[in-house]
Amino acid sequence: MSEESSNNMSREERLAAKLRENLRRRKAQARAASQTDDDSRGEALPKGRGDS
């Protein structure tokens, strides 16, 4: 039985590591998407304000 619990623990650790990795990847993707959105909006705003 102790062998099963050690196997389960390693499985839980593997799953936890995968979840952390996935979260980091998703956060990085969100930051990249946010940066491109901010950059495109940031470039468009000064042009509109400069015309008036």
C-alpha atoms as a PDB file:
ATOM      1  CA  MET A   1       0.000   0.000   0.000  1.00  0.00           C
ATOM      2  CA  SER A   2       2.843   2.420   0.687  1.00  0.00           C
ATOM      3  CA  GLU A   3       4.044   1.838  -2.876  1.00  0.00           C
ATOM      4  CA  GLU A   4       0.647   2.941  -4.213  1.00  0.00           C
ATOM      5  CA  SER A   5       0.645   6.113  -2.149  1.00  0.00           C
ATOM      6  CA  SER A   6       4.141   7.002  -3.380  1.00  0.00           C
ATOM      7  CA  ASN A   7       2.980   6.414  -6.967  1.00  0.00           C
ATOM      8  CA  ASN A   8      -0.076   8.576  -6.381  1.00  0.00           C
ATOM      9  CA  MET A   9       2.047  11.295  -4.837  1.00  0.00           C
ATOM     10  CA  SER A  10       4.402  11.365  -7.796  1.00  0.00           C
ATOM     11  CA  ARG A  11       1.371  11.502 -10.104  1.00  0.00           C
ATOM     12  CA  GLU A  12      -0.040  14.412  -8.101  1.00  0.00           C
ATOM     13  CA  GLU A  13       3.325  16.146  -8.227  1.00  0.00           C
ATOM     14  CA  ARG A  14       3.510  15.623 -11.992  1.00  0.00           C
ATOM     15  CA  LEU A  15       0.001  17.000 -12.427  1.00  0.00           C
ATOM     16  CA  ALA A  16       0.791  19.993 -10.231  1.00  0.00           C
ATOM     17  CA  ALA A  17       3.939  20.689 -12.244  1.00  0.00           C
ATOM     18  CA  LYS A  18       1.968  20.487 -15.502  1.00  0.00           C
ATOM     19  CA  LEU A  19      -0.657  22.868 -14.133  1.00  0.00           C
ATOM     20  CA  ARG A  20       2.023  25.371 -13.087  1.00  0.00           C
ATOM     21  CA  GLU A  21       3.692  25.111 -16.487  1.00  0.00           C
ATOM     22  CA  ASN A  22       0.365  25.613 -18.252  1.00  0.00           C
ATOM     23  CA  LEU A  23      -0.462  28.618 -16.075  1.00  0.00           C
ATOM     24  CA  ARG A  24       2.917  30.238 -16.820  1.00  0.00           C
ATOM     25  CA  ARG A  25       2.423  29.656 -20.542  1.00  0.00           C
ATOM     26  CA  ARG A  26      -1.095  31.100 -20.506  1.00  0.00           C
ATOM     27  CA  LYS A  27       0.052  34.144 -18.517  1.00  0.00           C
ATOM     28  CA  ALA A  28       2.886  34.728 -20.988  1.00  0.00           C
ATOM     29  CA  GLN A  29       0.446  34.468 -23.898  1.00  0.00           C
ATOM     30  CA  ALA A  30      -1.941  36.899 -22.194  1.00  0.00           C
ATOM     31  CA  ARG A  31       0.888  39.373 -21.548  1.00  0.00           C
ATOM     32  CA  ALA A  32       2.015  39.131 -25.177  1.00  0.00           C
ATOM     33  CA  ALA A  33      -1.535  39.657 -26.438  1.00  0.00           C
ATOM     34  CA  SER A  34      -2.011  42.576 -24.058  1.00  0.00           C
ATOM     35  CA  GLN A  35       1.238  44.170 -25.207  1.00  0.00           C
ATOM     36  CA  THR A  36       0.289  43.958 -28.870  1.00  0.00           C
ATOM     37  CA  ASP A  37      -3.148  45.416 -28.086  1.00  0.00           C
ATOM     38  CA  ASP A  38      -1.577  48.239 -26.061  1.00  0.00           C
ATOM     39  CA  ASP A  39       1.026  48.915 -28.733  1.00  0.00           C
ATOM     40  CA  SER A  40      -1.511  49.129 -31.527  1.00  0.00           C
ATOM     41  CA  ARG A  41      -3.808  51.375 -29.478  1.00  0.00           C
ATOM     42  CA  GLY A  42      -0.867  53.450 -28.301  1.00  0.00           C
ATOM     43  CA  GLU A  43       0.233  54.153 -31.879  1.00  0.00           C
ATOM     44  CA  ALA A  44      -3.278  55.042 -33.052  1.00  0.00           C
ATOM     45  CA  LEU A  45      -4.127  57.497 -30.272  1.00  0.00           C
ATOM     46  CA  PRO A  46      -1.399  60.130 -30.836  1.00  0.00           C
ATOM     47  CA  LYS A  47      -2.202  60.308 -34.579  1.00  0.00           C
ATOM     48  CA  GLY A  48      -5.868  61.065 -33.855  1.00  0.00           C
ATOM     49  CA  ARG A  49      -5.051  63.688 -31.241  1.00  0.00           C
ATOM     50  CA  GLY A  50      -2.432  65.407 -33.389  1.00  0.00           C
ATOM     51  CA  ASP A  51      -4.888  66.078 -36.216  1.00  0.00           C
ATOM     52  CA  SER A  52      -7.251  68.227 -34.151  1.00  0.00           C
END
